Amino acid sequence: MAAPAPSPVDRLADEPADHRFKGLPPDAAAAGTTLGELAGERRSLFTGGFTTPVLALSAERLEHNLTALADYSERHGLAFAPHGKTSMAPQLFDRQLRHGAWGITLAVPHQVRVARAYGVPRIFLANELVDEAALRWLAAELDADPDFRCVCYVDSPHGVALMDEALRAAGARRPVEVVVELGAGDGARTGARTEAECAAVADAVAATGTLRLVGVAGYEGEVPGAGLEAVRGWLRRLTGLAVAFDTAGRFEGLDEIVVSAGGSAWFDAVAEAFAELPELSAPTLKLLRSGAYVSHDDGHYRHLTPFNRQPDEGGLQAAFTLWTQVVSRPEAGQAFLNAGKRDAAFDLQLPEPHVVRGIEGTVRSAAGLTVTALSDQHAWLRVDEGVDLEVGEWVGLGMSHPCTMFDKWQVIPVVEADGTVTDLIRTFF
């Protein structure tokens, strides 16, 4: 019997480990080594030829985080569609699906095309899609694969009309499933602001032949001045909207009703609100969409995670370290690292030095070192009096905001605690 053909995700291993990807060993490129072969060599990140700066994703912490949210979702009766825009990494999508995810959430057409190219079977598009070319592609994708499911936001009658026109022009044979987005309030991001406006959007959907209303959704993280009580209040509005739509017969004939919310800061409130949702006319898919959990971070989400409020429910671990090298000590109290805005997340706060790896391989605390600014390719490092730091030493940085960590790196080594590189994650931004 012939061996099964490799999956699209498996074929990522065939890409050359060459000059396109920051931090990879130059000798691997010279030898024509592929990403899969390089991972199979199990080189040390520190002594195996990787060059600085290089972003490392902890193998153990990554697995911990994948398991933590999968377990949390199962424990609370939630389906899980983690937001893929965080990593845009098909290998991580695959691992999330293997950990029981219902599907992957995405934000824009390009991201959906990437996910489909690598076999994601269910997609929740957390945006209204009014791009004619993208709708033409989506119609063809749905028609070509009866097992593919895509659920998309709608938030205005005009947007619904544009979708209907484009899908009719494309000759779409399968209706696109849509959920009405309830906005988080005046001054928030997208979404219909009132229940009456949501009903008007639902009426517009019902008048088309190309769209099918399957539920309601929104994003509680956009509630103005979000606090726990304000978020809970908005979530009650969302579940109330689902009940009102169901009572009005808007979900008649469905096998499943979708109710979806949930970023990375309030998934405990989402679980609580969805647990109180009364029985509807069809089974309810209570869909959580948190994304930043996959790597977590050393700043913004470290403070925001609901596990701080519910430590008995679990916890997440910061899985990224940006390894940089000291390239200059021009004056007392000042050093420069060879990583800057092109390499490090900095949109929420500056990186934090965590560890120093000496030239001989010894490891010590980075206490007394502070990143004060970033240039394009340098980190400005204040060195407290009495702290030793030499040119050539490696400094490991923690960062804030997973989304802007991933999007600066096309290939990211997955590294075990002893420094062994076990995989190389390919991203598509």
Protein backbone atom coordinates (compact mmCIF):
# COMPACT_ATOMS: atom_id res chain seq x y z
CA MET A 1 0.00 0.00 0.00
CA ALA A 2 1.33 3.43 -0.95
CA ALA A 3 2.14 5.85 1.85
CA PRO A 4 -0.45 8.60 2.30
CA ALA A 5 0.38 11.90 0.64
CA PRO A 6 1.78 14.51 3.04
CA SER A 7 -0.72 17.05 4.28
CA PRO A 8 -0.35 20.71 3.27
CA VAL A 9 0.98 21.44 6.78
CA ASP A 10 3.54 18.64 6.47
CA ARG A 11 4.78 20.14 3.19
CA LEU A 12 5.93 23.25 5.03
CA ALA A 13 8.88 21.15 6.15
CA ASP A 14 10.09 21.07 2.53
CA GLU A 15 10.85 24.80 2.39
CA PRO A 16 14.56 25.68 2.22
CA ALA A 17 16.08 26.93 5.48
CA ASP A 18 17.66 29.84 3.66
CA HIS A 19 18.37 33.58 3.77
CA ARG A 20 14.68 34.52 3.75
CA PHE A 21 14.33 33.61 7.41
CA LYS A 22 15.99 35.57 10.20
CA GLY A 23 18.18 33.78 12.69
CA LEU A 24 18.56 30.43 10.92
CA PRO A 25 22.05 28.88 10.65
CA PRO A 26 23.92 30.06 7.53
CA ASP A 27 25.49 26.63 7.09
CA ALA A 28 22.02 25.09 6.76
CA ALA A 29 21.30 27.32 3.79
CA ALA A 30 24.69 26.53 2.26
CA ALA A 31 23.95 22.81 2.50
CA GLY A 32 20.47 23.16 0.96
CA THR A 33 18.83 21.98 4.21
CA THR A 34 15.06 22.17 4.47
CA LEU A 35 13.14 23.42 7.49
CA GLY A 36 12.11 19.87 8.29
CA GLU A 37 15.64 18.58 8.03
CA LEU A 38 16.95 21.39 10.21
CA ALA A 39 14.37 20.62 12.88
CA GLY A 40 15.28 16.95 12.63
CA GLU A 41 18.93 17.75 13.40
CA ARG A 42 17.84 18.94 16.87
CA ARG A 43 20.53 21.59 17.03
CA SER A 44 21.11 23.80 20.03
CA LEU A 45 19.71 27.29 19.61
CA PHE A 46 22.82 28.60 21.36
CA THR A 47 25.64 26.54 19.85
CA GLY A 48 24.11 25.14 16.68
CA GLY A 49 24.76 28.06 14.35
CA PHE A 50 21.62 30.14 14.88
CA THR A 51 22.37 33.84 14.62
CA THR A 52 21.07 36.69 16.73
CA PRO A 53 18.54 38.12 16.98
CA VAL A 54 16.41 34.98 17.03
CA LEU A 55 12.94 34.50 18.45
CA ALA A 56 12.36 31.25 20.35
CA LEU A 57 9.06 29.63 21.28
CA SER A 58 9.23 27.34 24.31
CA ALA A 59 8.12 23.81 23.43
CA GLU A 60 6.97 23.04 26.96
CA ARG A 61 5.13 26.32 27.51
CA LEU A 62 3.45 26.16 24.12
CA GLU A 63 2.07 22.70 24.92
CA HIS A 64 0.99 23.89 28.36
CA ASN A 65 -1.00 26.79 26.86
CA LEU A 66 -2.62 24.67 24.15
CA THR A 67 -3.77 22.22 26.80
CA ALA A 68 -4.89 24.90 29.27
CA LEU A 69 -7.50 26.51 26.98
CA ALA A 70 -8.62 23.21 25.51
CA ASP A 71 -9.29 21.93 29.02
CA TYR A 72 -10.96 25.17 30.09
CA SER A 73 -13.30 25.12 27.08
CA GLU A 74 -14.27 21.50 27.61
CA ARG A 75 -14.82 22.04 31.33
CA HIS A 76 -17.23 24.91 30.64
CA GLY A 77 -19.11 23.35 27.74
CA LEU A 78 -17.64 25.76 25.19
CA ALA A 79 -16.63 25.14 21.62
CA PHE A 80 -13.32 26.82 20.83
CA ALA A 81 -12.25 28.65 17.67
CA PRO A 82 -8.97 30.34 18.66
CA HIS A 83 -8.21 33.55 16.80
CA GLY A 84 -5.65 32.63 14.17
CA LYS A 85 -4.64 36.21 13.40
CA THR A 86 -2.42 35.98 16.49
CA SER A 87 0.04 33.53 14.99
CA MET A 88 -0.94 33.05 11.33
CA ALA A 89 0.92 29.76 11.65
CA PRO A 90 -0.72 26.74 9.98
CA GLN A 91 1.33 24.36 12.14
CA LEU A 92 -0.16 25.97 15.24
CA PHE A 93 -3.64 25.92 13.69
CA ASP A 94 -3.15 22.20 13.20
CA ARG A 95 -2.08 21.71 16.81
CA GLN A 96 -5.04 23.76 18.05
CA LEU A 97 -7.40 21.59 16.02
CA ARG A 98 -5.72 18.45 17.36
CA HIS A 99 -6.34 19.82 20.86
CA GLY A 100 -10.05 19.81 20.09
CA ALA A 101 -10.73 23.24 18.59
CA TRP A 102 -13.96 23.49 16.58
CA GLY A 103 -12.20 25.63 13.99
CA ILE A 104 -10.09 28.78 13.62
CA THR A 105 -11.24 32.40 13.88
CA LEU A 106 -9.79 34.87 11.38
CA ALA A 107 -10.24 38.54 10.54
CA VAL A 108 -9.62 39.25 6.83
CA PRO A 109 -9.81 37.38 3.50
CA HIS A 110 -6.06 36.81 3.19
CA GLN A 111 -6.05 34.99 6.51
CA VAL A 112 -8.96 32.81 5.44
CA ARG A 113 -7.13 31.87 2.23
CA VAL A 114 -4.05 30.86 4.23
CA ALA A 115 -6.11 28.70 6.56
CA ARG A 116 -7.88 27.00 3.67
CA ALA A 117 -4.59 26.40 1.85
CA TYR A 118 -3.50 24.40 4.89
CA GLY A 119 -6.70 22.44 5.34
CA VAL A 120 -8.64 24.24 8.11
CA PRO A 121 -12.19 22.81 7.81
CA ARG A 122 -14.16 25.42 9.80
CA ILE A 123 -13.57 29.16 9.92
CA PHE A 124 -15.26 31.90 11.92
CA LEU A 125 -14.65 35.23 10.17
CA ALA A 126 -14.96 37.92 12.83
CA ASN A 127 -15.64 40.70 10.35
CA GLU A 128 -18.26 41.65 7.82
CA LEU A 129 -16.99 40.58 4.38
CA VAL A 130 -17.98 43.02 1.62
CA ASP A 131 -15.01 42.63 -0.74
CA GLU A 132 -16.39 41.43 -4.09
CA ALA A 133 -13.28 39.48 -5.11
CA ALA A 134 -13.05 37.80 -1.70
CA LEU A 135 -16.73 36.85 -1.78
CA ARG A 136 -16.30 35.39 -5.26
CA TRP A 137 -13.40 33.27 -3.93
CA LEU A 138 -15.41 32.23 -0.84
CA ALA A 139 -18.39 31.19 -2.97
CA ALA A 140 -16.14 29.01 -5.12
CA GLU A 141 -14.47 27.52 -2.04
CA LEU A 142 -17.81 26.63 -0.46
CA ASP A 143 -19.13 25.16 -3.69
CA ALA A 144 -15.99 23.06 -4.20
CA ASP A 145 -15.96 21.56 -0.70
CA PRO A 146 -19.28 20.57 0.88
CA ASP A 147 -17.48 19.87 4.19
CA PHE A 148 -16.04 23.41 4.47
CA ARG A 149 -17.91 25.67 6.87
CA CYS A 150 -17.43 29.45 7.13
CA VAL A 151 -19.43 31.68 9.48
CA CYS A 152 -19.13 35.43 8.95
CA TYR A 153 -20.23 38.61 10.76
CA VAL A 154 -22.86 40.98 9.39
CA ASP A 155 -23.59 44.33 11.04
CA SER A 156 -25.56 46.50 8.58
CA PRO A 157 -28.30 46.15 5.96
CA HIS A 158 -26.04 47.89 3.45
CA GLY A 159 -23.26 45.38 4.09
CA VAL A 160 -25.76 42.55 3.66
CA ALA A 161 -26.87 44.04 0.33
CA LEU A 162 -23.27 44.23 -0.90
CA MET A 163 -22.65 40.61 0.11
CA ASP A 164 -25.84 39.45 -1.59
CA GLU A 165 -25.02 41.31 -4.80
CA ALA A 166 -21.49 39.90 -4.97
CA LEU A 167 -22.57 36.34 -4.20
CA ARG A 168 -25.35 36.47 -6.80
CA ALA A 169 -22.87 37.74 -9.38
CA ALA A 170 -20.55 34.89 -8.46
CA GLY A 171 -23.31 32.32 -8.97
CA ALA A 172 -22.94 31.03 -5.42
CA ARG A 173 -24.76 27.73 -4.88
CA ARG A 174 -24.31 27.46 -1.09
CA PRO A 175 -25.51 30.25 1.21
CA VAL A 176 -22.88 31.91 3.38
CA GLU A 177 -23.64 31.44 7.07
CA VAL A 178 -23.74 34.73 8.98
CA VAL A 179 -24.13 35.92 12.56
CA VAL A 180 -25.38 39.38 13.46
CA GLU A 181 -22.69 41.29 15.32
CA LEU A 182 -23.87 43.19 18.37
CA GLY A 183 -21.56 46.15 18.89
CA ALA A 184 -20.03 46.68 22.30
CA GLY A 185 -21.48 50.18 22.64
CA ASP A 186 -21.18 53.73 21.34
CA GLY A 187 -17.59 54.53 20.50
CA ALA A 188 -16.66 50.86 20.27
CA ARG A 189 -15.46 49.12 17.14
CA THR A 190 -17.77 47.34 14.66
CA GLY A 191 -21.24 45.91 15.16
CA ALA A 192 -24.83 47.12 15.18
CA ARG A 193 -25.29 49.34 18.22
CA THR A 194 -28.82 48.48 19.31
CA GLU A 195 -31.05 45.43 19.38
CA ALA A 196 -33.39 47.19 16.93
CA GLU A 197 -30.51 47.67 14.51
CA CYS A 198 -29.56 44.00 14.92
CA ALA A 199 -33.14 43.03 14.03
CA ALA A 200 -32.95 45.19 10.89
CA VAL A 201 -29.76 43.40 9.86
CA ALA A 202 -31.43 40.03 10.45
CA ASP A 203 -34.40 41.14 8.33
CA ALA A 204 -32.02 42.09 5.53
CA VAL A 205 -30.36 38.66 5.70
CA ALA A 206 -33.73 36.93 5.56
CA ALA A 207 -34.56 38.82 2.34
CA THR A 208 -31.55 37.38 0.52
CA GLY A 209 -31.11 33.98 -1.03
CA THR A 210 -27.37 33.96 -0.59
CA LEU A 211 -26.99 34.35 3.18
CA ARG A 212 -28.33 32.28 6.08
CA LEU A 213 -28.63 33.65 9.60
CA VAL A 214 -27.20 31.13 12.09
CA GLY A 215 -26.68 33.16 15.26
CA VAL A 216 -25.32 36.23 17.01
CA ALA A 217 -21.84 37.27 18.07
CA GLY A 218 -19.61 40.11 19.23
CA TYR A 219 -16.46 41.02 21.08
CA GLU A 220 -16.68 41.97 24.72
CA GLY A 221 -13.14 43.35 24.78
CA GLU A 222 -14.40 46.46 22.99
CA VAL A 223 -16.89 47.45 25.72
CA PRO A 224 -15.98 51.09 26.47
CA GLY A 225 -14.13 51.31 29.77
CA ALA A 226 -14.36 47.54 30.06
CA GLY A 227 -14.61 46.21 33.60
CA LEU A 228 -16.10 42.95 34.78
CA GLU A 229 -19.59 44.31 35.43
CA ALA A 230 -19.72 46.26 32.16
CA VAL A 231 -18.60 43.18 30.25
CA ARG A 232 -21.17 41.03 32.02
CA GLY A 233 -23.86 43.56 31.13
CA TRP A 234 -22.96 43.46 27.46
CA LEU A 235 -22.82 39.65 27.47
CA ARG A 236 -26.35 39.59 28.91
CA ARG A 237 -27.42 41.74 25.98
CA LEU A 238 -25.78 39.29 23.56
CA THR A 239 -27.44 36.21 25.04
CA GLY A 240 -30.71 38.13 25.30
CA LEU A 241 -30.46 38.92 21.59
CA ALA A 242 -30.03 35.23 20.82
CA VAL A 243 -33.14 34.41 22.85
CA ALA A 244 -35.14 37.21 21.20
CA PHE A 245 -34.15 36.11 17.70
CA ASP A 246 -35.03 32.51 18.52
CA THR A 247 -38.39 33.47 20.00
CA ALA A 248 -39.14 35.45 16.84
CA GLY A 249 -38.48 32.36 14.72
CA ARG A 250 -35.38 33.76 13.05
CA PHE A 251 -33.48 30.48 13.59
CA GLU A 252 -36.24 28.20 12.38
CA GLY A 253 -34.94 25.11 10.60
CA LEU A 254 -31.39 25.32 11.93
CA ASP A 255 -29.61 22.28 13.28
CA GLU A 256 -27.41 24.53 15.43
CA ILE A 257 -27.50 28.11 16.69
CA VAL A 258 -24.18 29.96 17.04
CA VAL A 259 -23.58 32.32 19.96
CA SER A 260 -20.00 33.59 20.01
CA ALA A 261 -17.77 35.97 21.97
CA GLY A 262 -14.53 35.83 23.85
CA GLY A 263 -11.12 37.41 23.56
CA SER A 264 -8.23 36.74 25.89
CA ALA A 265 -9.16 39.10 28.73
CA TRP A 266 -12.72 38.10 29.68
CA PHE A 267 -13.26 34.47 28.72
CA ASP A 268 -14.31 33.74 32.31
CA ALA A 269 -17.21 36.19 31.96
CA VAL A 270 -18.10 34.64 28.60
CA ALA A 271 -18.16 31.15 30.13
CA GLU A 272 -20.37 32.43 32.95
CA ALA A 273 -22.83 34.17 30.61
CA PHE A 274 -23.03 31.28 28.16
CA ALA A 275 -23.68 28.84 31.01
CA GLU A 276 -26.80 30.88 31.83
CA LEU A 277 -28.11 30.85 28.25
CA PRO A 278 -31.53 29.13 28.27
CA GLU A 279 -32.32 26.23 25.98
CA LEU A 280 -33.07 27.42 22.46
CA SER A 281 -35.00 25.78 19.63
CA ALA A 282 -31.85 24.02 18.41
CA PRO A 283 -28.59 23.02 20.11
CA THR A 284 -26.36 26.02 20.80
CA LEU A 285 -22.75 26.24 19.65
CA LYS A 286 -21.25 28.38 22.40
CA LEU A 287 -18.13 29.51 20.61
CA LEU A 288 -15.13 31.05 22.40
CA ARG A 289 -12.51 32.83 20.26
CA SER A 290 -9.48 33.66 22.45
CA GLY A 291 -6.19 33.77 20.51
CA ALA A 292 -3.33 35.33 22.48
CA TYR A 293 -3.22 32.36 24.86
CA VAL A 294 -1.15 30.29 22.43
CA SER A 295 2.08 32.06 23.38
CA HIS A 296 0.75 34.32 26.18
CA ASP A 297 3.19 37.13 27.06
CA ASP A 298 5.34 38.88 29.65
CA GLY A 299 3.26 42.06 29.88
CA HIS A 300 -0.23 43.01 28.72
CA TYR A 301 -1.86 39.57 28.81
CA ARG A 302 0.10 38.52 31.88
CA HIS A 303 -1.93 41.20 33.69
CA LEU A 304 -5.23 40.69 31.82
CA THR A 305 -5.65 36.92 31.78
CA PRO A 306 -8.81 35.71 33.55
CA PHE A 307 -6.70 33.05 35.25
CA ASN A 308 -5.54 35.84 37.57
CA ARG A 309 -9.13 36.02 38.82
CA GLN A 310 -9.60 32.25 38.73
CA PRO A 311 -6.24 30.65 39.59
CA ASP A 312 -7.94 27.34 40.40
CA GLU A 313 -9.02 27.13 36.76
CA GLY A 314 -5.46 26.96 35.44
CA GLY A 315 -2.92 29.39 34.08
CA LEU A 316 -0.90 30.40 31.05
CA GLN A 317 2.85 30.71 30.59
CA ALA A 318 4.80 33.25 28.54
CA ALA A 319 6.34 31.13 25.80
CA PHE A 320 8.44 33.62 23.81
CA THR A 321 12.03 34.72 24.37
CA LEU A 322 13.77 37.05 21.94
CA TRP A 323 17.46 36.22 22.10
CA THR A 324 19.67 39.20 21.30
CA GLN A 325 23.38 39.91 21.56
CA VAL A 326 25.28 42.75 23.20
CA VAL A 327 27.05 44.54 20.34
CA SER A 328 28.24 47.72 22.04
CA ARG A 329 29.14 49.08 25.49
CA PRO A 330 30.05 52.65 24.47
CA GLU A 331 29.88 54.17 27.94
CA ALA A 332 29.25 53.27 31.56
CA GLY A 333 25.64 52.41 32.20
CA GLN A 334 24.79 51.98 28.50
CA ALA A 335 24.71 48.94 26.23
CA PHE A 336 23.14 48.15 22.88
CA LEU A 337 21.54 44.92 21.74
CA ASN A 338 21.22 43.89 18.09
CA ALA A 339 17.42 43.71 18.02
CA GLY A 340 14.98 46.57 17.62
CA LYS A 341 11.60 47.49 16.22
CA ARG A 342 12.03 45.11 13.28
CA ASP A 343 12.38 42.17 15.65
CA ALA A 344 10.61 42.90 18.96
CA ALA A 345 7.00 43.61 19.92
CA PHE A 346 6.81 47.15 21.31
CA ASP A 347 3.29 48.45 20.59
CA LEU A 348 2.08 47.88 24.17
CA GLN A 349 5.30 48.14 26.16
CA LEU A 350 9.03 47.73 25.77
CA PRO A 351 10.70 44.32 26.07
CA GLU A 352 11.94 43.15 29.48
CA PRO A 353 15.40 41.56 29.90
CA HIS A 354 15.01 38.24 31.73
CA VAL A 355 18.27 36.32 31.42
CA VAL A 356 21.87 36.73 30.29
CA ARG A 357 23.76 33.89 28.67
CA GLY A 358 27.49 34.37 29.05
CA ILE A 359 30.03 33.70 26.32
CA GLU A 360 30.98 30.41 27.99
CA GLY A 361 27.31 29.34 28.21
CA THR A 362 26.65 30.19 31.84
CA VAL A 363 23.24 31.68 32.59
CA ARG A 364 22.44 34.44 35.08
CA SER A 365 19.62 36.83 35.93
CA ALA A 366 19.18 40.01 33.90
CA ALA A 367 18.43 42.01 37.05
CA GLY A 368 19.80 45.53 36.68
CA LEU A 369 19.22 45.66 32.92
CA THR A 370 16.38 47.75 31.45
CA VAL A 371 15.36 48.38 27.84
CA THR A 372 14.73 52.13 27.63
CA ALA A 373 14.10 52.55 23.90
CA LEU A 374 14.15 50.75 20.55
CA SER A 375 15.67 51.88 17.28
CA ASP A 376 15.02 49.96 14.07
CA GLN A 377 17.77 47.42 14.75
CA HIS A 378 18.98 48.23 18.27
CA ALA A 379 17.65 48.03 21.80
CA TRP A 380 18.90 50.72 24.15
CA LEU A 381 19.84 49.01 27.38
CA ARG A 382 20.45 50.76 30.68
CA VAL A 383 22.98 48.88 32.82
CA ASP A 384 22.82 49.58 36.54
CA GLU A 385 26.01 50.28 38.43
CA GLY A 386 27.80 47.11 39.46
CA VAL A 387 26.07 44.90 36.85
CA ASP A 388 28.45 42.98 34.60
CA LEU A 389 27.62 42.81 30.90
CA GLU A 390 30.08 42.14 28.06
CA VAL A 391 29.96 42.57 24.32
CA GLY A 392 29.10 39.20 22.78
CA GLU A 393 26.85 37.98 25.59
CA TRP A 394 23.28 36.96 24.79
CA VAL A 395 20.34 38.66 26.49
CA GLY A 396 16.92 36.99 26.51
CA LEU A 397 13.98 39.40 26.32
CA GLY A 398 10.35 38.85 27.27
CA MET A 399 7.78 40.87 25.35
CA SER A 400 4.21 42.09 25.48
CA HIS A 401 1.48 41.35 22.90
CA PRO A 402 1.61 38.00 21.10
CA CYS A 403 0.15 39.32 17.84
CA THR A 404 3.04 41.67 17.19
CA MET A 405 5.61 39.09 18.29
CA PHE A 406 4.54 36.58 15.68
CA ASP A 407 4.17 39.00 12.80
CA LYS A 408 7.83 40.07 12.77
CA TRP A 409 9.11 36.53 12.18
CA GLN A 410 8.46 34.24 9.21
CA VAL A 411 10.11 31.23 10.87
CA ILE A 412 10.25 30.69 14.64
CA PRO A 413 12.27 27.90 16.29
CA VAL A 414 10.44 25.81 18.89
CA VAL A 415 12.97 25.19 21.64
CA GLU A 416 13.06 22.75 24.55
CA ALA A 417 14.21 23.88 27.98
CA ASP A 418 17.78 22.72 27.33
CA GLY A 419 17.99 24.79 24.12
CA THR A 420 17.27 21.97 21.65
CA VAL A 421 15.36 23.15 18.56
CA THR A 422 12.62 20.63 17.83
CA ASP A 423 10.51 22.39 15.21
CA LEU A 424 10.38 25.50 13.04
CA ILE A 425 7.06 27.35 12.87
CA ARG A 426 6.26 29.10 9.55
CA THR A 427 4.04 32.20 9.69
CA PHE A 428 2.08 33.93 6.90
CA PHE A 429 1.44 37.64 7.49
